[in-house]
Amino acid sequence: MNSYITTQRPTIYADMNVYRYVACGDISIANPESFIWVYSHVHLDEINRNGNTDALDGMRILKAVEIYDVLDGQLQSVGDIRLRKYVDPYERYDRHLEAISGFEGSNDYFIEYLIRSFGANNYSELKQTPERLRDEIERLTSTLGDGGKHLAVQAREASEQMAIVVGQHLRERHPIDRTRAAFGVSSQERKRIEQTASPIDEVWNLVSPAIPNVSKEQFFGFEPLPGVEGVQHTQHGAICGAHVVLNMIGINPDKGLAKREKMKNILSDGQHTGMASYCNMLLSADRAIIDKAYCIYTHLGNITTPLHFKFKKGLKLFSEQSDEA
């Protein structure tokens, strides 16, 4: 959980707003050529979701390059994280749109389970997810012949099991405060933990009595749970999971955790935190993402420095007058 890329210049993974601010002239960067500016597919997905392409202009100004995970023929990670050569961001975005065409929103049903865990009043939508999953897999496998038929049968079986789980275990809504209380985490404890040198260790000391058969690394997603098979465990994926767990416990939590569209943005923040873990710095004006990244990176010993700055128009980052903390 401490892999990173090696480059001649420091790498800065900037969040969406940094690239937007640069594009609109709201902020500037002192000596931007001293760094390698980095983005990922997460940025491209966000642009597609919100329809605002301003960030692409910021990437172009900073000559940002894409960080990516090398995949094998089965679309599984081979554990090789690389930087692409510079490609015009608009050209790269067009290729991204071509690659995901027909698959947009194909896993949105998963959001219903997440927001339910945060107390959303969405049982009627949740009941539809087994059928949605089955229909989506049948759609995607309809051109695969006999192999597709086998997958469709498996999808129907999985859909039936999902429906049972939803009906038996997710019918009752649990507000997030009740979930946190079950772990023994009060608002006072959360505030105390946020000020400690090792929040993840402090959280574990508090919640471990409630989950005796799970280790700390498993609880936060850094190690796979026993019996969970078929899900690849990568550094960036594990860190994204830890980001969600910190929100669940209430450590530097985001707002709107039980809202569908907000959850998509929160998951993107977790993915950004994961992809940034291979770089020297994560740069953002969002205090919540930076604080959670600090909790995770310090626990794992990542080389990444999470750097927060207070946004104001005319700010020049990395100058003597800038306010980074």
Protein backbone atom coordinates (compact mmCIF):
# COMPACT_ATOMS: atom_id res chain seq x y z
CA MET A 1 0.00 0.00 0.00
CA ASN A 2 2.95 2.32 -0.55
CA SER A 3 3.65 2.17 -4.28
CA TYR A 4 4.51 5.37 -6.12
CA ILE A 5 5.82 6.61 -9.43
CA THR A 6 9.38 7.95 -9.77
CA THR A 7 9.95 11.06 -11.87
CA GLN A 8 12.60 13.74 -12.31
CA ARG A 9 10.22 16.48 -11.14
CA PRO A 10 7.70 16.35 -8.26
CA THR A 11 4.25 15.14 -9.30
CA ILE A 12 1.18 17.09 -8.21
CA TYR A 13 -2.24 15.45 -8.48
CA ALA A 14 -4.64 18.41 -8.52
CA ASP A 15 -8.36 18.08 -7.96
CA MET A 16 -10.97 19.32 -10.42
CA ASN A 17 -11.37 22.76 -8.92
CA VAL A 18 -7.65 23.52 -9.19
CA TYR A 19 -7.78 22.98 -12.94
CA ARG A 20 -11.00 25.01 -13.18
CA TYR A 21 -9.54 27.90 -11.17
CA VAL A 22 -6.48 27.98 -13.42
CA ALA A 23 -8.64 27.83 -16.56
CA CYS A 24 -10.80 30.76 -15.42
CA GLY A 25 -7.82 32.84 -14.28
CA ASP A 26 -8.99 32.77 -10.66
CA ILE A 27 -5.63 31.44 -9.46
CA SER A 28 -2.18 31.05 -10.97
CA ILE A 29 0.82 28.86 -10.24
CA ALA A 30 4.34 30.13 -9.56
CA ASN A 31 6.78 28.27 -11.84
CA PRO A 32 4.31 25.55 -12.87
CA GLU A 33 6.96 23.93 -15.08
CA SER A 34 8.82 22.91 -11.89
CA PHE A 35 6.19 20.19 -11.39
CA ILE A 36 4.51 17.43 -13.34
CA TRP A 37 0.76 18.11 -13.14
CA VAL A 38 -1.35 14.98 -13.04
CA TYR A 39 -4.97 13.99 -13.66
CA SER A 40 -6.75 10.63 -13.99
CA HIS A 41 -9.83 9.00 -15.49
CA VAL A 42 -11.67 10.22 -12.38
CA HIS A 43 -11.38 13.80 -13.65
CA LEU A 44 -12.73 12.74 -17.05
CA ASP A 45 -15.66 10.92 -15.46
CA GLU A 46 -16.50 14.01 -13.40
CA ILE A 47 -16.38 16.24 -16.46
CA ASN A 48 -18.73 13.89 -18.27
CA ARG A 49 -21.07 13.80 -15.27
CA ASN A 50 -21.30 17.55 -14.69
CA GLY A 51 -20.92 18.72 -18.28
CA ASN A 52 -18.38 21.44 -17.45
CA THR A 53 -15.22 21.19 -19.56
CA ASP A 54 -13.39 24.18 -18.01
CA ALA A 55 -10.97 21.85 -16.23
CA LEU A 56 -9.67 20.62 -19.60
CA ASP A 57 -8.42 24.14 -20.31
CA GLY A 58 -6.64 24.19 -16.95
CA MET A 59 -5.02 20.85 -17.76
CA ARG A 60 -3.90 22.25 -21.10
CA ILE A 61 -2.40 25.36 -19.47
CA LEU A 62 -0.44 23.24 -16.96
CA LYS A 63 0.48 20.57 -19.53
CA ALA A 64 -1.06 17.96 -17.22
CA VAL A 65 -0.54 14.28 -17.97
CA GLU A 66 -2.71 11.29 -17.13
CA ILE A 67 -1.84 8.72 -14.48
CA TYR A 68 -3.24 5.27 -15.23
CA ASP A 69 -3.28 1.69 -14.01
CA VAL A 70 -2.06 -0.85 -16.59
CA LEU A 71 -4.69 -3.58 -17.12
CA ASP A 72 -4.42 -7.06 -18.60
CA GLY A 73 -6.70 -8.69 -21.15
CA GLN A 74 -9.24 -9.44 -18.40
CA LEU A 75 -9.26 -5.76 -17.36
CA GLN A 76 -7.45 -6.62 -14.13
CA SER A 77 -4.68 -4.45 -12.71
CA VAL A 78 -1.15 -5.78 -13.23
CA GLY A 79 0.17 -3.51 -10.47
CA ASP A 80 1.92 -1.09 -12.83
CA ILE A 81 1.05 2.60 -12.44
CA ARG A 82 2.32 4.89 -15.19
CA LEU A 83 2.13 8.42 -16.56
CA ARG A 84 1.10 8.87 -20.18
CA LYS A 85 2.94 11.24 -22.46
CA TYR A 86 1.20 14.60 -22.81
CA VAL A 87 -1.93 14.49 -24.97
CA ASP A 88 -4.17 17.47 -25.53
CA PRO A 89 -6.83 17.12 -22.79
CA TYR A 90 -9.72 17.68 -25.20
CA GLU A 91 -8.44 14.90 -27.44
CA ARG A 92 -8.03 12.60 -24.44
CA TYR A 93 -11.53 13.46 -23.21
CA ASP A 94 -13.04 12.62 -26.62
CA ARG A 95 -11.34 9.21 -26.52
CA HIS A 96 -12.66 8.68 -23.00
CA LEU A 97 -16.22 9.40 -24.14
CA GLU A 98 -15.82 6.87 -26.96
CA ALA A 99 -14.51 4.25 -24.51
CA ILE A 100 -17.43 4.57 -22.09
CA SER A 101 -20.15 5.00 -24.72
CA GLY A 102 -23.03 2.70 -23.88
CA PHE A 103 -21.81 2.10 -20.35
CA GLU A 104 -22.69 5.45 -18.76
CA GLY A 105 -24.36 4.98 -15.40
CA SER A 106 -24.11 1.19 -15.66
CA ASN A 107 -23.17 0.88 -11.97
CA ASP A 108 -25.38 3.62 -10.55
CA TYR A 109 -27.48 0.99 -8.76
CA PHE A 110 -24.54 0.54 -6.36
CA ILE A 111 -25.06 4.11 -5.14
CA GLU A 112 -28.43 3.09 -3.67
CA TYR A 113 -26.72 0.67 -1.28
CA LEU A 114 -24.16 3.25 -0.21
CA ILE A 115 -26.61 6.02 0.53
CA ARG A 116 -28.85 3.50 2.36
CA SER A 117 -25.91 2.77 4.65
CA PHE A 118 -25.76 6.51 5.36
CA GLY A 119 -29.45 6.65 6.26
CA ALA A 120 -31.15 7.51 2.97
CA ASN A 121 -34.91 7.03 2.73
CA ASN A 122 -34.66 5.09 -0.55
CA TYR A 123 -36.14 1.66 0.07
CA SER A 124 -38.40 1.81 -2.99
CA GLU A 125 -35.39 2.55 -5.23
CA LEU A 126 -33.34 -0.09 -3.44
CA LYS A 127 -35.93 -2.77 -4.22
CA GLN A 128 -35.48 -2.07 -7.92
CA THR A 129 -31.70 -2.62 -7.91
CA PRO A 130 -31.70 -6.45 -8.32
CA GLU A 131 -33.80 -6.17 -11.45
CA ARG A 132 -31.70 -3.24 -12.70
CA LEU A 133 -28.52 -5.27 -12.25
CA ARG A 134 -29.98 -8.26 -14.07
CA ASP A 135 -31.22 -6.14 -16.97
CA GLU A 136 -27.89 -4.33 -17.29
CA ILE A 137 -25.85 -7.54 -17.40
CA GLU A 138 -28.25 -9.08 -19.91
CA ARG A 139 -27.88 -5.95 -22.06
CA LEU A 140 -24.09 -6.00 -21.88
CA THR A 141 -23.79 -9.74 -22.59
CA SER A 142 -26.47 -10.03 -25.28
CA THR A 143 -23.85 -10.06 -28.08
CA LEU A 144 -21.54 -12.66 -26.51
CA GLY A 145 -23.31 -15.81 -27.68
CA ASP A 146 -23.28 -18.86 -25.40
CA GLY A 147 -20.84 -17.22 -23.01
CA GLY A 148 -23.24 -14.33 -22.61
CA LYS A 149 -26.12 -16.69 -21.90
CA HIS A 150 -24.15 -18.29 -19.07
CA LEU A 151 -23.42 -14.89 -17.56
CA ALA A 152 -27.07 -13.93 -17.89
CA VAL A 153 -28.10 -17.02 -15.92
CA GLN A 154 -25.60 -16.12 -13.19
CA ALA A 155 -26.95 -12.56 -13.19
CA ARG A 156 -30.49 -13.78 -12.66
CA GLU A 157 -29.37 -15.97 -9.76
CA ALA A 158 -27.43 -13.10 -8.21
CA SER A 159 -30.42 -10.81 -8.70
CA GLU A 160 -32.66 -13.20 -6.80
CA GLN A 161 -30.19 -13.35 -3.90
CA MET A 162 -29.88 -9.56 -3.86
CA ALA A 163 -33.65 -9.22 -3.62
CA ILE A 164 -33.65 -11.50 -0.56
CA VAL A 165 -30.88 -9.48 1.11
CA VAL A 166 -32.67 -6.20 0.43
CA GLY A 167 -35.94 -7.49 1.83
CA GLN A 168 -34.46 -9.12 4.92
CA HIS A 169 -31.65 -6.77 5.92
CA LEU A 170 -32.19 -3.36 4.33
CA ARG A 171 -35.90 -2.79 4.85
CA GLU A 172 -35.37 -0.79 8.05
CA ARG A 173 -33.67 2.57 7.65
CA HIS A 174 -30.85 3.34 10.09
CA PRO A 175 -29.89 7.03 10.40
CA ILE A 176 -26.13 7.48 10.27
CA ASP A 177 -26.00 8.79 13.84
CA ARG A 178 -27.48 5.50 15.04
CA THR A 179 -24.84 3.55 13.09
CA ARG A 180 -22.05 5.62 14.58
CA ALA A 181 -23.48 5.18 18.06
CA ALA A 182 -23.51 1.40 17.55
CA PHE A 183 -19.76 1.60 16.96
CA GLY A 184 -19.37 3.71 20.10
CA VAL A 185 -18.48 6.87 18.19
CA SER A 186 -20.05 10.03 19.62
CA SER A 187 -19.75 13.53 18.16
CA GLN A 188 -17.39 14.46 21.00
CA GLU A 189 -15.16 11.47 20.28
CA ARG A 190 -15.09 12.31 16.58
CA LYS A 191 -13.92 15.83 17.25
CA ARG A 192 -11.24 14.53 19.60
CA ILE A 193 -10.05 11.93 17.11
CA GLU A 194 -9.76 14.49 14.31
CA GLN A 195 -7.14 16.36 16.35
CA THR A 196 -4.94 13.33 17.08
CA ALA A 197 -1.74 12.31 15.28
CA SER A 198 -3.17 8.96 14.17
CA PRO A 199 -6.95 9.18 13.66
CA ILE A 200 -7.22 5.71 12.12
CA ASP A 201 -5.58 4.10 15.14
CA GLU A 202 -7.82 6.12 17.46
CA VAL A 203 -10.94 5.10 15.56
CA TRP A 204 -9.90 1.46 15.73
CA ASN A 205 -9.33 1.61 19.48
CA LEU A 206 -12.89 2.88 19.80
CA VAL A 207 -14.75 0.57 17.40
CA SER A 208 -12.78 -2.70 17.66
CA PRO A 209 -14.80 -4.08 20.63
CA ALA A 210 -17.91 -4.04 18.41
CA ILE A 211 -16.27 -6.10 15.62
CA PRO A 212 -13.99 -8.70 17.24
CA ASN A 213 -13.53 -10.89 14.16
CA VAL A 214 -12.20 -8.15 11.88
CA SER A 215 -8.72 -6.62 11.91
CA LYS A 216 -8.00 -2.90 11.69
CA GLU A 217 -6.60 -3.21 8.17
CA GLN A 218 -9.67 -5.17 7.06
CA PHE A 219 -12.11 -2.73 8.65
CA PHE A 220 -10.64 0.22 6.76
CA GLY A 221 -10.30 -1.77 3.53
CA PHE A 222 -6.52 -1.95 3.38
CA GLU A 223 -6.70 -5.76 3.44
CA PRO A 224 -9.44 -7.94 1.89
CA LEU A 225 -12.07 -9.49 4.13
CA PRO A 226 -11.90 -13.28 4.48
CA GLY A 227 -14.32 -15.05 2.15
CA VAL A 228 -14.68 -12.07 -0.21
CA GLU A 229 -13.48 -13.33 -3.58
CA GLY A 230 -13.43 -12.02 -7.12
CA VAL A 231 -12.73 -8.38 -6.18
CA GLN A 232 -9.22 -7.20 -6.99
CA HIS A 233 -7.44 -5.31 -4.20
CA THR A 234 -5.43 -2.33 -5.45
CA GLN A 235 -3.80 0.50 -3.54
CA HIS A 236 -6.05 3.17 -5.05
CA GLY A 237 -9.17 1.04 -4.60
CA ALA A 238 -8.38 0.32 -0.96
CA ILE A 239 -7.75 3.99 -0.24
CA CYS A 240 -11.07 4.93 -1.84
CA GLY A 241 -12.75 2.40 0.45
CA ALA A 242 -11.02 3.88 3.50
CA HIS A 243 -12.31 7.31 2.45
CA VAL A 244 -15.87 5.94 2.59
CA VAL A 245 -15.24 4.29 5.99
CA LEU A 246 -13.98 7.57 7.47
CA ASN A 247 -17.17 9.23 6.24
CA MET A 248 -19.20 6.43 7.79
CA ILE A 249 -17.52 6.88 11.17
CA GLY A 250 -17.77 10.66 10.89
CA ILE A 251 -14.12 11.67 10.71
CA ASN A 252 -13.96 14.94 8.74
CA PRO A 253 -17.23 13.87 7.06
CA ASP A 254 -18.59 15.28 3.84
CA LYS A 255 -22.03 16.84 3.70
CA GLY A 256 -24.99 15.19 1.98
CA LEU A 257 -23.89 11.61 2.56
CA ALA A 258 -27.42 10.28 2.08
CA LYS A 259 -27.98 12.14 -1.21
CA ARG A 260 -27.57 10.33 -4.51
CA GLU A 261 -25.74 12.95 -6.57
CA LYS A 262 -23.63 14.08 -3.63
CA MET A 263 -22.50 10.50 -3.02
CA LYS A 264 -21.21 10.30 -6.59
CA ASN A 265 -19.01 13.32 -5.87
CA ILE A 266 -17.85 11.81 -2.57
CA LEU A 267 -16.87 8.58 -4.31
CA SER A 268 -14.93 10.65 -6.84
CA ASP A 269 -13.08 12.32 -3.97
CA GLY A 270 -12.16 8.89 -2.64
CA GLN A 271 -10.95 7.82 -6.09
CA HIS A 272 -8.91 11.02 -6.39
CA THR A 273 -7.33 10.29 -3.00
CA GLY A 274 -6.47 6.80 -4.19
CA MET A 275 -4.91 7.83 -7.51
CA ALA A 276 -3.04 10.70 -5.84
CA SER A 277 -1.33 8.20 -3.50
CA TYR A 278 1.14 7.39 -6.30
CA CYS A 279 2.19 11.06 -6.59
CA ASN A 280 4.18 13.46 -4.44
CA MET A 281 1.27 15.76 -3.65
CA LEU A 282 -2.53 15.97 -3.58
CA LEU A 283 -3.58 19.61 -4.03
CA SER A 284 -7.08 20.85 -3.18
CA ALA A 285 -9.01 23.75 -1.67
CA ASP A 286 -11.45 21.21 -0.18
CA ARG A 287 -10.52 20.75 3.48
CA ALA A 288 -12.57 17.55 3.88
CA ILE A 289 -10.74 15.60 1.16
CA ILE A 290 -7.35 16.82 2.37
CA ASP A 291 -8.02 15.93 6.01
CA LYS A 292 -9.22 12.41 5.17
CA ALA A 293 -6.27 11.94 2.81
CA TYR A 294 -3.92 12.93 5.63
CA CYS A 295 -5.49 10.30 7.91
CA ILE A 296 -5.02 7.60 5.28
CA TYR A 297 -1.59 8.56 3.95
CA THR A 298 -0.02 8.88 7.39
CA HIS A 299 -1.37 5.47 8.42
CA LEU A 300 -0.07 3.77 5.27
CA GLY A 301 3.20 5.70 5.12
CA ASN A 302 2.54 7.01 1.60
CA ILE A 303 4.94 9.56 0.16
CA THR A 304 2.03 11.82 -0.82
CA THR A 305 1.67 15.19 0.90
CA PRO A 306 -1.96 16.36 1.03
CA LEU A 307 -1.84 20.15 0.63
CA HIS A 308 -4.81 22.42 1.31
CA PHE A 309 -5.04 26.04 0.18
CA LYS A 310 -7.64 28.69 0.94
CA PHE A 311 -9.19 29.78 -2.32
CA LYS A 312 -9.37 33.46 -3.16
CA LYS A 313 -9.35 35.13 -6.53
CA GLY A 314 -5.92 36.31 -7.58
CA LEU A 315 -4.11 33.72 -5.45
CA LYS A 316 -0.70 32.63 -6.76
CA LEU A 317 0.11 29.17 -5.46
CA PHE A 318 3.66 28.28 -4.40
CA SER A 319 4.68 31.91 -4.17
CA GLU A 320 5.90 33.55 -0.98
CA GLN A 321 2.52 35.25 -0.55
CA SER A 322 0.32 32.17 -1.02
CA ASP A 323 -1.60 30.57 1.86
CA GLU A 324 -1.11 26.82 1.78
CA ALA A 325 -1.63 24.71 4.89
